[in-house]
Amino acid sequence: MDSTQADYANFRAAWLAQAQANPWVTAGFFGAVLAVVYLLISAVFSAADAEHTERLRYAFYAGGAGFVATGFGAVLAVALKQISNRTQDSMLGFAAGMMLAASSFSLILPGLDAAKDITGSSILSAATVVLGLGLGTLLMLGLDHFTPHEHESTGPCGPNAERINRVWLFIFAITLHNLPEGMAMGVGFAGGDLSVGIPLASAISIQDIPEGLAVALALRTTGLSTLTAALVAIATGLMEPIGALIGVGISSGYALAYPISLSLAAGAMLFVVSHEIIPETHRNGHQTSATLGLMGGFALMMFLDTALG
């Protein structure tokens, strides 16, 4: 057995051990994946028209804006060289606040309204959104358990993480972070309502700038040069347009797919904020600065949603 086969066998054994140790997470993750695949398949077989093509185009543009914003933040890391941990935590707190507000005002509330229009029942609309939130949470929980990655606050996570280069672990972690943001932008345009899509895409793109900067600075701690760290951070932004296309895809099948997808993206974003960003901003003792940043980001997103919606 050569080294590649041995590495694959070790990873497969570690993945199976992780699955056996967390049976409920495994079951929930595969259930969420099957639900997403089903929504995508239903969208493929639904009738494509000019309106659907336009939504795909808007979603791709939104994801592209997120990619450009991430790249701009990464380039800032080259120009600034170094910023304090307090400033980084404040910027990440700002990004978390915008994600929290976007989840609430641009995803959950429109999801409730859309579900109520379809079902005609407040109870059923709430149940639909809760279902989507649960699917988004299970999807991100499963990805967190079964994808090797690393966060500065928790260290290596996932199967066989200790055997994988630290740079790749950071890249996987950033990918997990960017995917739900891209999906959120995609589902924001899936209903054809620009008053939902534009504020959401604007907010995520704005908060991608400090995120791109923080990611590039974090990658430098793995031993990468300033320029290489910036280029890798820019490349991870490609998950934004990819996620946007997935998001608009899962929202374009059955009527209920739209509110479910809105709340699924919200659940995924809420998971990332609570599980990754907030613990990261608090690990250096800068809780107050991070919280003020979060409040500022929340207020800005609420203003954008009102002004542009």
C-alpha atoms as a PDB file:
ATOM      1  CA  MET A   1       0.000   0.000   0.000  1.00  0.00           C
ATOM      2  CA  ASP A   2       1.521   3.371  -1.034  1.00  0.00           C
ATOM      3  CA  SER A   3       1.411   6.518   1.102  1.00  0.00           C
ATOM      4  CA  THR A   4      -1.660   7.926  -0.693  1.00  0.00           C
ATOM      5  CA  GLN A   5      -3.658   4.760  -0.110  1.00  0.00           C
ATOM      6  CA  ALA A   6      -2.503   4.670   3.501  1.00  0.00           C
ATOM      7  CA  ASP A   7      -3.566   8.289   4.060  1.00  0.00           C
ATOM      8  CA  TYR A   8      -6.968   7.561   2.507  1.00  0.00           C
ATOM      9  CA  ALA A   9      -7.401   4.453   4.678  1.00  0.00           C
ATOM     10  CA  ASN A  10      -6.462   6.412   7.808  1.00  0.00           C
ATOM     11  CA  PHE A  11      -8.874   9.215   6.977  1.00  0.00           C
ATOM     12  CA  ARG A  12     -11.702   6.781   6.187  1.00  0.00           C
ATOM     13  CA  ALA A  13     -11.120   4.967   9.505  1.00  0.00           C
ATOM     14  CA  ALA A  14     -11.088   8.287  11.381  1.00  0.00           C
ATOM     15  CA  TRP A  15     -14.253   9.436   9.588  1.00  0.00           C
ATOM     16  CA  LEU A  16     -16.084   6.190  10.408  1.00  0.00           C
ATOM     17  CA  ALA A  17     -14.956   6.416  14.031  1.00  0.00           C
ATOM     18  CA  GLN A  18     -16.290   9.980  14.182  1.00  0.00           C
ATOM     19  CA  ALA A  19     -19.603   8.858  12.700  1.00  0.00           C
ATOM     20  CA  GLN A  20     -19.945   5.962  15.167  1.00  0.00           C
ATOM     21  CA  ALA A  21     -19.103   8.222  18.106  1.00  0.00           C
ATOM     22  CA  ASN A  22     -21.787  10.751  17.084  1.00  0.00           C
ATOM     23  CA  PRO A  23     -24.685   8.718  15.623  1.00  0.00           C
ATOM     24  CA  TRP A  24     -27.331  11.419  16.061  1.00  0.00           C
ATOM     25  CA  VAL A  25     -25.161  14.080  14.440  1.00  0.00           C
ATOM     26  CA  THR A  26     -24.410  11.663  11.591  1.00  0.00           C
ATOM     27  CA  ALA A  27     -28.084  10.867  11.046  1.00  0.00           C
ATOM     28  CA  GLY A  28     -29.074  14.529  11.164  1.00  0.00           C
ATOM     29  CA  PHE A  29     -26.280  15.547   8.805  1.00  0.00           C
ATOM     30  CA  PHE A  30     -27.200  12.968   6.184  1.00  0.00           C
ATOM     31  CA  GLY A  31     -30.864  13.894   6.540  1.00  0.00           C
ATOM     32  CA  ALA A  32     -30.025  17.557   5.913  1.00  0.00           C
ATOM     33  CA  VAL A  33     -27.822  16.662   2.932  1.00  0.00           C
ATOM     34  CA  LEU A  34     -30.597  14.522   1.433  1.00  0.00           C
ATOM     35  CA  ALA A  35     -33.061  17.394   1.887  1.00  0.00           C
ATOM     36  CA  VAL A  36     -30.715  19.815   0.089  1.00  0.00           C
ATOM     37  CA  VAL A  37     -30.119  17.314  -2.725  1.00  0.00           C
ATOM     38  CA  TYR A  38     -33.869  16.771  -3.064  1.00  0.00           C
ATOM     39  CA  LEU A  39     -34.472  20.523  -3.321  1.00  0.00           C
ATOM     40  CA  LEU A  40     -31.752  20.821  -5.952  1.00  0.00           C
ATOM     41  CA  ILE A  41     -33.184  17.931  -7.990  1.00  0.00           C
ATOM     42  CA  SER A  42     -36.688  19.406  -7.812  1.00  0.00           C
ATOM     43  CA  ALA A  43     -35.276  22.693  -9.100  1.00  0.00           C
ATOM     44  CA  VAL A  44     -33.545  20.946 -12.013  1.00  0.00           C
ATOM     45  CA  PHE A  45     -36.799  19.347 -13.128  1.00  0.00           C
ATOM     46  CA  SER A  46     -38.869  22.478 -12.671  1.00  0.00           C
ATOM     47  CA  ALA A  47     -39.529  24.564 -15.758  1.00  0.00           C
ATOM     48  CA  ALA A  48     -36.710  27.021 -16.396  1.00  0.00           C
ATOM     49  CA  ASP A  49     -37.783  30.398 -17.730  1.00  0.00           C
ATOM     50  CA  ALA A  50     -36.358  33.860 -18.295  1.00  0.00           C
ATOM     51  CA  GLU A  51     -37.282  34.916 -14.768  1.00  0.00           C
ATOM     52  CA  HIS A  52     -35.400  31.958 -13.275  1.00  0.00           C
ATOM     53  CA  THR A  53     -32.371  32.761 -15.424  1.00  0.00           C
ATOM     54  CA  GLU A  54     -32.473  36.337 -14.183  1.00  0.00           C
ATOM     55  CA  ARG A  55     -32.519  35.149 -10.566  1.00  0.00           C
ATOM     56  CA  LEU A  56     -29.501  32.952 -11.232  1.00  0.00           C
ATOM     57  CA  ARG A  57     -27.712  35.944 -12.706  1.00  0.00           C
ATOM     58  CA  TYR A  58     -28.546  38.168  -9.736  1.00  0.00           C
ATOM     59  CA  ALA A  59     -27.401  35.452  -7.320  1.00  0.00           C
ATOM     60  CA  PHE A  60     -24.122  35.021  -9.192  1.00  0.00           C
ATOM     61  CA  TYR A  61     -23.536  38.787  -9.171  1.00  0.00           C
ATOM     62  CA  ALA A  62     -24.221  38.872  -5.429  1.00  0.00           C
ATOM     63  CA  GLY A  63     -21.802  36.011  -4.796  1.00  0.00           C
ATOM     64  CA  GLY A  64     -19.271  37.776  -7.009  1.00  0.00           C
ATOM     65  CA  ALA A  65     -19.638  40.911  -4.888  1.00  0.00           C
ATOM     66  CA  GLY A  66     -18.903  38.823  -1.799  1.00  0.00           C
ATOM     67  CA  PHE A  67     -15.828  37.404  -3.508  1.00  0.00           C
ATOM     68  CA  VAL A  68     -14.576  40.885  -4.457  1.00  0.00           C
ATOM     69  CA  ALA A  69     -15.196  42.183  -0.918  1.00  0.00           C
ATOM     70  CA  THR A  70     -13.290  39.252   0.572  1.00  0.00           C
ATOM     71  CA  GLY A  71     -10.443  39.940  -1.846  1.00  0.00           C
ATOM     72  CA  PHE A  72     -10.411  43.629  -0.924  1.00  0.00           C
ATOM     73  CA  GLY A  73     -10.117  42.749   2.756  1.00  0.00           C
ATOM     74  CA  ALA A  74      -7.301  40.309   1.999  1.00  0.00           C
ATOM     75  CA  VAL A  75      -5.423  42.998   0.015  1.00  0.00           C
ATOM     76  CA  LEU A  76      -5.786  45.340   2.995  1.00  0.00           C
ATOM     77  CA  ALA A  77      -3.845  42.773   5.010  1.00  0.00           C
ATOM     78  CA  VAL A  78      -0.891  43.299   2.677  1.00  0.00           C
ATOM     79  CA  ALA A  79      -1.089  47.091   3.038  1.00  0.00           C
ATOM     80  CA  LEU A  80      -1.653  47.168   6.798  1.00  0.00           C
ATOM     81  CA  LYS A  81       0.921  44.460   7.602  1.00  0.00           C
ATOM     82  CA  GLN A  82      -0.290  44.078  11.189  1.00  0.00           C
ATOM     83  CA  ILE A  83      -3.249  45.188  13.297  1.00  0.00           C
ATOM     84  CA  SER A  84      -3.922  44.598  16.978  1.00  0.00           C
ATOM     85  CA  ASN A  85      -5.884  41.622  18.283  1.00  0.00           C
ATOM     86  CA  ARG A  86      -8.416  44.042  19.767  1.00  0.00           C
ATOM     87  CA  THR A  87      -9.070  45.565  16.355  1.00  0.00           C
ATOM     88  CA  GLN A  88      -9.382  42.125  14.740  1.00  0.00           C
ATOM     89  CA  ASP A  89     -11.866  41.010  17.398  1.00  0.00           C
ATOM     90  CA  SER A  90     -13.871  44.221  16.938  1.00  0.00           C
ATOM     91  CA  MET A  91     -14.025  43.669  13.166  1.00  0.00           C
ATOM     92  CA  LEU A  92     -15.089  40.045  13.568  1.00  0.00           C
ATOM     93  CA  GLY A  93     -17.710  41.164  16.104  1.00  0.00           C
ATOM     94  CA  PHE A  94     -18.962  43.672  13.531  1.00  0.00           C
ATOM     95  CA  ALA A  95     -19.223  40.879  10.944  1.00  0.00           C
ATOM     96  CA  ALA A  96     -21.076  38.685  13.454  1.00  0.00           C
ATOM     97  CA  GLY A  97     -23.564  41.484  14.178  1.00  0.00           C
ATOM     98  CA  MET A  98     -24.325  41.924  10.487  1.00  0.00           C
ATOM     99  CA  MET A  99     -24.786  38.171  10.068  1.00  0.00           C
ATOM    100  CA  LEU A 100     -27.149  38.035  13.057  1.00  0.00           C
ATOM    101  CA  ALA A 101     -29.249  40.912  11.733  1.00  0.00           C
ATOM    102  CA  ALA A 102     -29.222  39.510   8.193  1.00  0.00           C
ATOM    103  CA  SER A 103     -30.424  36.154   9.508  1.00  0.00           C
ATOM    104  CA  SER A 104     -33.288  37.847  11.329  1.00  0.00           C
ATOM    105  CA  PHE A 105     -34.442  40.655   9.015  1.00  0.00           C
ATOM    106  CA  SER A 106     -33.449  39.356   5.571  1.00  0.00           C
ATOM    107  CA  LEU A 107     -33.989  35.616   5.980  1.00  0.00           C
ATOM    108  CA  ILE A 108     -36.257  34.569   8.852  1.00  0.00           C
ATOM    109  CA  LEU A 109     -38.868  37.351   8.609  1.00  0.00           C
ATOM    110  CA  PRO A 110     -39.258  37.084   4.793  1.00  0.00           C
ATOM    111  CA  GLY A 111     -39.337  33.297   5.248  1.00  0.00           C
ATOM    112  CA  LEU A 112     -42.225  33.606   7.702  1.00  0.00           C
ATOM    113  CA  ASP A 113     -44.113  35.942   5.353  1.00  0.00           C
ATOM    114  CA  ALA A 114     -43.572  33.670   2.333  1.00  0.00           C
ATOM    115  CA  ALA A 115     -44.573  30.543   4.234  1.00  0.00           C
ATOM    116  CA  LYS A 116     -47.728  32.223   5.537  1.00  0.00           C
ATOM    117  CA  ASP A 117     -48.711  33.288   2.011  1.00  0.00           C
ATOM    118  CA  ILE A 118     -48.329  29.667   0.874  1.00  0.00           C
ATOM    119  CA  THR A 119     -49.879  27.829   3.828  1.00  0.00           C
ATOM    120  CA  GLY A 120     -52.356  30.457   5.024  1.00  0.00           C
ATOM    121  CA  SER A 121     -51.512  29.555   8.615  1.00  0.00           C
ATOM    122  CA  SER A 122     -49.283  31.274  11.157  1.00  0.00           C
ATOM    123  CA  ILE A 123     -48.616  27.950  12.871  1.00  0.00           C
ATOM    124  CA  LEU A 124     -47.633  26.176   9.664  1.00  0.00           C
ATOM    125  CA  SER A 125     -45.491  29.106   8.550  1.00  0.00           C
ATOM    126  CA  ALA A 126     -43.634  29.064  11.848  1.00  0.00           C
ATOM    127  CA  ALA A 127     -43.209  25.289  11.603  1.00  0.00           C
ATOM    128  CA  THR A 128     -41.829  25.664   8.068  1.00  0.00           C
ATOM    129  CA  VAL A 129     -39.217  28.174   9.219  1.00  0.00           C
ATOM    130  CA  VAL A 130     -38.296  26.036  12.223  1.00  0.00           C
ATOM    131  CA  LEU A 131     -37.800  23.101   9.847  1.00  0.00           C
ATOM    132  CA  GLY A 132     -35.451  25.174   7.697  1.00  0.00           C
ATOM    133  CA  LEU A 133     -33.535  26.422  10.736  1.00  0.00           C
ATOM    134  CA  GLY A 134     -33.123  22.844  11.892  1.00  0.00           C
ATOM    135  CA  LEU A 135     -31.865  21.691   8.486  1.00  0.00           C
ATOM    136  CA  GLY A 136     -29.338  24.525   8.339  1.00  0.00           C
ATOM    137  CA  THR A 137     -28.102  23.758  11.840  1.00  0.00           C
ATOM    138  CA  LEU A 138     -27.785  20.022  11.141  1.00  0.00           C
ATOM    139  CA  LEU A 139     -25.963  20.708   7.880  1.00  0.00           C
ATOM    140  CA  MET A 140     -23.350  22.944   9.516  1.00  0.00           C
ATOM    141  CA  LEU A 141     -23.062  20.701  12.587  1.00  0.00           C
ATOM    142  CA  GLY A 142     -22.335  17.720  10.358  1.00  0.00           C
ATOM    143  CA  LEU A 143     -19.811  19.651   8.261  1.00  0.00           C
ATOM    144  CA  ASP A 144     -18.140  20.825  11.459  1.00  0.00           C
ATOM    145  CA  HIS A 145     -17.872  17.248  12.743  1.00  0.00           C
ATOM    146  CA  PHE A 146     -16.767  15.561   9.528  1.00  0.00           C
ATOM    147  CA  THR A 147     -14.544  18.169   7.827  1.00  0.00           C
ATOM    148  CA  PRO A 148     -10.990  18.476   9.177  1.00  0.00           C
ATOM    149  CA  HIS A 149     -10.419  22.145  10.037  1.00  0.00           C
ATOM    150  CA  GLU A 150      -8.877  24.433  12.625  1.00  0.00           C
ATOM    151  CA  HIS A 151      -9.888  27.544  14.503  1.00  0.00           C
ATOM    152  CA  GLU A 152      -7.467  29.545  16.611  1.00  0.00           C
ATOM    153  CA  SER A 153      -9.829  29.323  19.584  1.00  0.00           C
ATOM    154  CA  THR A 154     -10.336  25.533  19.485  1.00  0.00           C
ATOM    155  CA  GLY A 155      -7.391  24.046  17.599  1.00  0.00           C
ATOM    156  CA  PRO A 156      -7.706  21.120  15.148  1.00  0.00           C
ATOM    157  CA  CYS A 157     -11.222  19.678  14.752  1.00  0.00           C
ATOM    158  CA  GLY A 158     -12.665  16.846  12.706  1.00  0.00           C
ATOM    159  CA  PRO A 159     -11.416  13.406  11.659  1.00  0.00           C
ATOM    160  CA  ASN A 160      -7.645  12.986  11.312  1.00  0.00           C
ATOM    161  CA  ALA A 161      -7.127  16.746  11.686  1.00  0.00           C
ATOM    162  CA  GLU A 162      -3.827  16.266  13.510  1.00  0.00           C
ATOM    163  CA  ARG A 163      -2.323  14.609  10.425  1.00  0.00           C
ATOM    164  CA  ILE A 164      -3.244  17.413   7.972  1.00  0.00           C
ATOM    165  CA  ASN A 165      -1.153  20.502   7.276  1.00  0.00           C
ATOM    166  CA  ARG A 166      -2.304  23.454   9.391  1.00  0.00           C
ATOM    167  CA  VAL A 167      -2.684  25.705   6.346  1.00  0.00           C
ATOM    168  CA  TRP A 168      -5.230  23.314   4.816  1.00  0.00           C
ATOM    169  CA  LEU A 169      -7.099  23.123   8.117  1.00  0.00           C
ATOM    170  CA  PHE A 170      -7.509  26.903   8.105  1.00  0.00           C
ATOM    171  CA  ILE A 171      -8.639  26.844   4.464  1.00  0.00           C
ATOM    172  CA  PHE A 172     -11.273  24.194   5.243  1.00  0.00           C
ATOM    173  CA  ALA A 173     -12.478  26.278   8.206  1.00  0.00           C
ATOM    174  CA  ILE A 174     -12.839  29.380   6.034  1.00  0.00           C
ATOM    175  CA  THR A 175     -14.702  27.365   3.400  1.00  0.00           C
ATOM    176  CA  LEU A 176     -17.184  26.193   6.036  1.00  0.00           C
ATOM    177  CA  HIS A 177     -17.637  29.833   7.015  1.00  0.00           C
ATOM    178  CA  ASN A 178     -18.161  31.240   3.508  1.00  0.00           C
ATOM    179  CA  LEU A 179     -20.558  28.571   2.221  1.00  0.00           C
ATOM    180  CA  PRO A 180     -23.636  29.627   4.256  1.00  0.00           C
ATOM    181  CA  GLU A 181     -22.993  33.296   3.424  1.00  0.00           C
ATOM    182  CA  GLY A 182     -23.063  32.503  -0.291  1.00  0.00           C
ATOM    183  CA  MET A 183     -26.181  30.350   0.119  1.00  0.00           C
ATOM    184  CA  ALA A 184     -27.889  33.207   1.959  1.00  0.00           C
ATOM    185  CA  MET A 185     -27.213  35.610  -0.909  1.00  0.00           C
ATOM    186  CA  GLY A 186     -28.550  33.075  -3.396  1.00  0.00           C
ATOM    187  CA  VAL A 187     -31.825  32.430  -1.597  1.00  0.00           C
ATOM    188  CA  GLY A 188     -32.205  36.179  -1.051  1.00  0.00           C
ATOM    189  CA  PHE A 189     -32.768  36.592  -4.803  1.00  0.00           C
ATOM    190  CA  ALA A 190     -34.647  33.315  -5.345  1.00  0.00           C
ATOM    191  CA  GLY A 191     -38.060  34.818  -4.650  1.00  0.00           C
ATOM    192  CA  GLY A 192     -37.596  37.579  -7.205  1.00  0.00           C
ATOM    193  CA  ASP A 193     -37.938  40.229  -4.473  1.00  0.00           C
ATOM    194  CA  LEU A 194     -35.011  42.656  -4.765  1.00  0.00           C
ATOM    195  CA  SER A 195     -36.003  44.251  -1.449  1.00  0.00           C
ATOM    196  CA  VAL A 196     -34.829  41.004   0.178  1.00  0.00           C
ATOM    197  CA  GLY A 197     -31.844  40.204  -2.017  1.00  0.00           C
ATOM    198  CA  ILE A 198     -30.162  43.627  -2.294  1.00  0.00           C
ATOM    199  CA  PRO A 199     -29.928  44.474   1.455  1.00  0.00           C
ATOM    200  CA  LEU A 200     -28.784  40.928   2.226  1.00  0.00           C
ATOM    201  CA  ALA A 201     -26.121  40.877  -0.490  1.00  0.00           C
ATOM    202  CA  SER A 202     -24.973  44.376   0.512  1.00  0.00           C
ATOM    203  CA  ALA A 203     -24.662  43.438   4.163  1.00  0.00           C
ATOM    204  CA  ILE A 204     -22.780  40.211   3.551  1.00  0.00           C
ATOM    205  CA  SER A 205     -20.422  41.938   1.111  1.00  0.00           C
ATOM    206  CA  ILE A 206     -19.696  44.717   3.625  1.00  0.00           C
ATOM    207  CA  GLN A 207     -18.918  42.274   6.412  1.00  0.00           C
ATOM    208  CA  ASP A 208     -16.783  40.199   4.020  1.00  0.00           C
ATOM    209  CA  ILE A 209     -14.207  43.024   3.993  1.00  0.00           C
ATOM    210  CA  PRO A 210     -13.177  42.727   7.672  1.00  0.00           C
ATOM    211  CA  GLU A 211     -13.540  38.957   7.380  1.00  0.00           C
ATOM    212  CA  GLY A 212     -11.147  38.832   4.426  1.00  0.00           C
ATOM    213  CA  LEU A 213      -8.670  40.947   6.366  1.00  0.00           C
ATOM    214  CA  ALA A 214      -8.935  38.779   9.481  1.00  0.00           C
ATOM    215  CA  VAL A 215      -8.606  35.576   7.435  1.00  0.00           C
ATOM    216  CA  ALA A 216      -5.447  36.788   5.684  1.00  0.00           C
ATOM    217  CA  LEU A 217      -3.914  37.793   9.012  1.00  0.00           C
ATOM    218  CA  ALA A 218      -4.839  34.429  10.539  1.00  0.00           C
ATOM    219  CA  LEU A 219      -3.308  32.534   7.626  1.00  0.00           C
ATOM    220  CA  ARG A 220      -0.043  34.389   8.220  1.00  0.00           C
ATOM    221  CA  THR A 221       0.174  32.753  11.641  1.00  0.00           C
ATOM    222  CA  THR A 222       0.456  29.374   9.880  1.00  0.00           C
ATOM    223  CA  GLY A 223       3.792  30.400   8.374  1.00  0.00           C
ATOM    224  CA  LEU A 224       2.586  31.729   5.011  1.00  0.00           C
ATOM    225  CA  SER A 225       4.100  34.927   3.651  1.00  0.00           C
ATOM    226  CA  THR A 226       1.946  38.073   3.613  1.00  0.00           C
ATOM    227  CA  LEU A 227       1.339  37.856  -0.136  1.00  0.00           C
ATOM    228  CA  THR A 228       0.603  34.106  -0.135  1.00  0.00           C
ATOM    229  CA  ALA A 229      -1.804  34.472   2.804  1.00  0.00           C
ATOM    230  CA  ALA A 230      -3.653  37.231   0.950  1.00  0.00           C
ATOM    231  CA  LEU A 231      -3.904  35.159  -2.246  1.00  0.00           C
ATOM    232  CA  VAL A 232      -5.226  32.131  -0.337  1.00  0.00           C
ATOM    233  CA  ALA A 233      -7.774  34.326   1.469  1.00  0.00           C
ATOM    234  CA  ILE A 234      -8.902  35.729  -1.888  1.00  0.00           C
ATOM    235  CA  ALA A 235      -9.281  32.200  -3.292  1.00  0.00           C
ATOM    236  CA  THR A 236     -11.483  31.118  -0.379  1.00  0.00           C
ATOM    237  CA  GLY A 237     -13.902  33.883  -1.401  1.00  0.00           C
ATOM    238  CA  LEU A 238     -14.822  31.753  -4.427  1.00  0.00           C
ATOM    239  CA  MET A 239     -17.151  29.849  -2.096  1.00  0.00           C
ATOM    240  CA  GLU A 240     -19.431  32.916  -2.090  1.00  0.00           C
ATOM    241  CA  PRO A 241     -20.583  32.695  -5.761  1.00  0.00           C
ATOM    242  CA  ILE A 242     -20.623  28.876  -5.578  1.00  0.00           C
ATOM    243  CA  GLY A 243     -22.772  28.997  -2.437  1.00  0.00           C
ATOM    244  CA  ALA A 244     -25.021  31.632  -4.061  1.00  0.00           C
ATOM    245  CA  LEU A 245     -25.762  29.337  -6.988  1.00  0.00           C
ATOM    246  CA  ILE A 246     -26.516  26.464  -4.592  1.00  0.00           C
ATOM    247  CA  GLY A 247     -28.778  28.766  -2.591  1.00  0.00           C
ATOM    248  CA  VAL A 248     -30.835  29.945  -5.559  1.00  0.00           C
ATOM    249  CA  GLY A 249     -30.970  26.345  -6.790  1.00  0.00           C
ATOM    250  CA  ILE A 250     -32.475  24.857  -3.634  1.00  0.00           C
ATOM    251  CA  SER A 251     -35.037  27.675  -3.526  1.00  0.00           C
ATOM    252  CA  SER A 252     -36.394  27.234  -7.041  1.00  0.00           C
ATOM    253  CA  GLY A 253     -38.341  23.977  -6.910  1.00  0.00           C
ATOM    254  CA  TYR A 254     -41.540  23.616  -4.906  1.00  0.00           C
ATOM    255  CA  ALA A 255     -43.263  26.675  -3.500  1.00  0.00           C
ATOM    256  CA  LEU A 256     -42.320  25.811   0.075  1.00  0.00           C
ATOM    257  CA  ALA A 257     -38.691  25.412  -0.986  1.00  0.00           C
ATOM    258  CA  TYR A 258     -38.286  29.189  -0.883  1.00  0.00           C
ATOM    259  CA  PRO A 259     -39.162  29.814   2.807  1.00  0.00           C
ATOM    260  CA  ILE A 260     -37.409  26.577   3.814  1.00  0.00           C
ATOM    261  CA  SER A 261     -34.255  27.683   1.995  1.00  0.00           C
ATOM    262  CA  LEU A 262     -34.375  31.160   3.531  1.00  0.00           C
ATOM    263  CA  SER A 263     -34.527  29.720   7.029  1.00  0.00           C
ATOM    264  CA  LEU A 264     -31.978  26.999   6.172  1.00  0.00           C
ATOM    265  CA  ALA A 265     -29.470  29.705   5.251  1.00  0.00           C
ATOM    266  CA  ALA A 266     -30.390  31.591   8.430  1.00  0.00           C
ATOM    267  CA  GLY A 267     -29.806  28.498  10.556  1.00  0.00           C
ATOM    268  CA  ALA A 268     -26.421  27.914   8.923  1.00  0.00           C
ATOM    269  CA  MET A 269     -25.364  31.522   9.500  1.00  0.00           C
ATOM    270  CA  LEU A 270     -26.548  31.526  13.113  1.00  0.00           C
ATOM    271  CA  PHE A 271     -24.560  28.335  13.721  1.00  0.00           C
ATOM    272  CA  VAL A 272     -21.393  29.939  12.327  1.00  0.00           C
ATOM    273  CA  VAL A 273     -21.860  33.081  14.432  1.00  0.00           C
ATOM    274  CA  SER A 274     -22.439  31.209  17.699  1.00  0.00           C
ATOM    275  CA  HIS A 275     -20.089  28.284  17.146  1.00  0.00           C
ATOM    276  CA  GLU A 276     -17.130  30.043  15.545  1.00  0.00           C
ATOM    277  CA  ILE A 277     -17.113  33.843  15.358  1.00  0.00           C
ATOM    278  CA  ILE A 278     -18.224  34.866  18.856  1.00  0.00           C
ATOM    279  CA  PRO A 279     -15.899  32.378  20.659  1.00  0.00           C
ATOM    280  CA  GLU A 280     -13.055  33.582  18.413  1.00  0.00           C
ATOM    281  CA  THR A 281     -13.671  37.230  19.337  1.00  0.00           C
ATOM    282  CA  HIS A 282     -13.740  36.467  23.072  1.00  0.00           C
ATOM    283  CA  ARG A 283     -10.641  34.296  23.373  1.00  0.00           C
ATOM    284  CA  ASN A 284      -8.205  37.231  23.823  1.00  0.00           C
ATOM    285  CA  GLY A 285     -10.183  38.998  26.549  1.00  0.00           C
ATOM    286  CA  HIS A 286     -11.625  41.656  24.229  1.00  0.00           C
ATOM    287  CA  GLN A 287     -15.264  40.827  24.907  1.00  0.00           C
ATOM    288  CA  THR A 288     -16.343  44.455  25.293  1.00  0.00           C
ATOM    289  CA  SER A 289     -14.758  45.601  22.026  1.00  0.00           C
ATOM    290  CA  ALA A 290     -16.173  42.578  20.192  1.00  0.00           C
ATOM    291  CA  THR A 291     -19.648  43.159  21.635  1.00  0.00           C
ATOM    292  CA  LEU A 292     -19.610  46.834  20.660  1.00  0.00           C
ATOM    293  CA  GLY A 293     -18.557  45.774  17.161  1.00  0.00           C
ATOM    294  CA  LEU A 294     -21.398  43.254  17.074  1.00  0.00           C
ATOM    295  CA  MET A 295     -23.937  45.900  18.102  1.00  0.00           C
ATOM    296  CA  GLY A 296     -22.599  48.272  15.445  1.00  0.00           C
ATOM    297  CA  GLY A 297     -22.829  45.593  12.758  1.00  0.00           C
ATOM    298  CA  PHE A 298     -26.351  44.661  13.846  1.00  0.00           C
ATOM    299  CA  ALA A 299     -27.474  48.307  13.741  1.00  0.00           C
ATOM    300  CA  LEU A 300     -25.928  48.880  10.292  1.00  0.00           C
ATOM    301  CA  MET A 301     -27.612  45.791   8.830  1.00  0.00           C
ATOM    302  CA  MET A 302     -30.958  46.826  10.321  1.00  0.00           C
ATOM    303  CA  PHE A 303     -30.532  50.271   8.728  1.00  0.00           C
ATOM    304  CA  LEU A 304     -29.602  48.765   5.335  1.00  0.00           C
ATOM    305  CA  ASP A 305     -32.572  46.420   5.448  1.00  0.00           C
ATOM    306  CA  THR A 306     -34.908  49.354   6.165  1.00  0.00           C
ATOM    307  CA  ALA A 307     -33.312  51.839   3.763  1.00  0.00           C
ATOM    308  CA  LEU A 308     -32.850  49.463   0.815  1.00  0.00           C
ATOM    309  CA  GLY A 309     -35.793  47.154   1.440  1.00  0.00           C
END
